[in-house]
């Protein structure tokens, strides 16, 4: 879709605006590039499962 937006937004802003317009029209949503890149990076994990940061080993401060 050709859209003229003034003043010219950054690429990130333009993508957000176009996604919002597509949502208003009821078009199916495609995840943004940064989301797909993150999923592809996690897919390379050795066990095939996406992971988050490692769990903390301690529960925090304790009383003396």
C-alpha atoms as a PDB file:
ATOM      1  CA  UNK A   1       0.000   0.000   0.000  1.00  0.00           C
ATOM      2  CA  UNK A   2       1.350   3.449  -0.930  1.00  0.00           C
ATOM      3  CA  UNK A   3       0.902   5.855   1.961  1.00  0.00           C
ATOM      4  CA  UNK A   4       2.185   9.408   2.189  1.00  0.00           C
ATOM      5  CA  UNK A   5       3.018  10.364   5.771  1.00  0.00           C
ATOM      6  CA  UNK A   6       4.310  13.843   6.579  1.00  0.00           C
ATOM      7  CA  UNK A   7       6.633  14.593   8.172  1.00  0.00           C
ATOM      8  CA  UNK A   8       8.505  11.515   6.992  1.00  0.00           C
ATOM      9  CA  UNK A   9       8.702   9.019   9.905  1.00  0.00           C
ATOM     10  CA  UNK A  10      11.638   6.770  10.707  1.00  0.00           C
ATOM     11  CA  UNK A  11      11.501   3.211   9.363  1.00  0.00           C
ATOM     12  CA  UNK A  12      10.386   1.881  12.764  1.00  0.00           C
ATOM     13  CA  UNK A  13       7.638   4.499  13.047  1.00  0.00           C
ATOM     14  CA  UNK A  14       6.518   3.869   9.462  1.00  0.00           C
ATOM     15  CA  UNK A  15       6.259   0.117  10.108  1.00  0.00           C
ATOM     16  CA  UNK A  16       4.204   0.757  13.266  1.00  0.00           C
ATOM     17  CA  UNK A  17       1.838   3.118  11.416  1.00  0.00           C
ATOM     18  CA  UNK A  18       1.325   0.699   8.531  1.00  0.00           C
ATOM     19  CA  UNK A  19       0.710  -2.193  10.943  1.00  0.00           C
ATOM     20  CA  UNK A  20      -1.900  -0.095  12.785  1.00  0.00           C
ATOM     21  CA  UNK A  21      -3.643   0.767   9.505  1.00  0.00           C
ATOM     22  CA  UNK A  22      -3.661  -2.905   8.470  1.00  0.00           C
ATOM     23  CA  UNK A  23      -5.141  -3.832  11.846  1.00  0.00           C
ATOM     24  CA  UNK A  24      -7.919  -1.263  11.340  1.00  0.00           C
ATOM     25  CA  UNK A  25      -8.730  -2.821   7.953  1.00  0.00           C
ATOM     26  CA  UNK A  26      -8.875  -6.286   9.523  1.00  0.00           C
ATOM     27  CA  UNK A  27      -5.911  -7.663   7.570  1.00  0.00           C
ATOM     28  CA  UNK A  28      -4.060 -10.655   9.027  1.00  0.00           C
ATOM     29  CA  UNK A  29      -1.112  -9.609  11.127  1.00  0.00           C
ATOM     30  CA  UNK A  30       2.475 -10.634  10.404  1.00  0.00           C
ATOM     31  CA  UNK A  31       4.890 -10.433  13.341  1.00  0.00           C
ATOM     32  CA  UNK A  32       7.440  -7.608  13.050  1.00  0.00           C
ATOM     33  CA  UNK A  33      10.940  -8.364  11.767  1.00  0.00           C
ATOM     34  CA  UNK A  34      12.539  -8.070  15.216  1.00  0.00           C
ATOM     35  CA  UNK A  35      10.104 -10.697  16.581  1.00  0.00           C
ATOM     36  CA  UNK A  36      10.793 -13.159  13.754  1.00  0.00           C
ATOM     37  CA  UNK A  37      14.557 -12.634  14.160  1.00  0.00           C
ATOM     38  CA  UNK A  38      14.307 -13.452  17.869  1.00  0.00           C
ATOM     39  CA  UNK A  39      12.329 -16.612  17.182  1.00  0.00           C
ATOM     40  CA  UNK A  40      14.841 -17.752  14.571  1.00  0.00           C
ATOM     41  CA  UNK A  41      17.733 -17.119  16.974  1.00  0.00           C
ATOM     42  CA  UNK A  42      16.045 -19.206  19.677  1.00  0.00           C
ATOM     43  CA  UNK A  43      15.175 -21.978  17.231  1.00  0.00           C
ATOM     44  CA  UNK A  44      18.877 -22.732  16.956  1.00  0.00           C
ATOM     45  CA  UNK A  45      18.951 -23.811  20.620  1.00  0.00           C
ATOM     46  CA  UNK A  46      20.396 -27.311  21.075  1.00  0.00           C
ATOM     47  CA  UNK A  47      17.261 -28.847  22.626  1.00  0.00           C
ATOM     48  CA  UNK A  48      14.836 -27.102  20.246  1.00  0.00           C
ATOM     49  CA  UNK A  49      13.049 -25.162  22.983  1.00  0.00           C
ATOM     50  CA  UNK A  50      13.016 -21.392  23.270  1.00  0.00           C
ATOM     51  CA  UNK A  51      14.403 -20.259  26.618  1.00  0.00           C
ATOM     52  CA  UNK A  52      14.487 -17.153  28.752  1.00  0.00           C
ATOM     53  CA  UNK A  53      17.293 -15.948  30.974  1.00  0.00           C
ATOM     54  CA  UNK A  54      18.624 -18.509  33.474  1.00  0.00           C
ATOM     55  CA  UNK A  55      16.898 -18.732  36.825  1.00  0.00           C
ATOM     56  CA  UNK A  56      18.539 -17.128  39.812  1.00  0.00           C
ATOM     57  CA  UNK A  57      20.165 -19.578  42.180  1.00  0.00           C
ATOM     58  CA  UNK A  58      19.379 -17.698  45.389  1.00  0.00           C
ATOM     59  CA  UNK A  59      16.072 -16.277  46.571  1.00  0.00           C
ATOM     60  CA  UNK A  60      17.645 -12.977  47.619  1.00  0.00           C
ATOM     61  CA  UNK A  61      18.724 -11.489  50.922  1.00  0.00           C
ATOM     62  CA  UNK A  62      18.415 -13.481  54.132  1.00  0.00           C
ATOM     63  CA  UNK A  63      18.436 -12.344  57.718  1.00  0.00           C
ATOM     64  CA  UNK A  64      21.615 -12.759  59.689  1.00  0.00           C
END
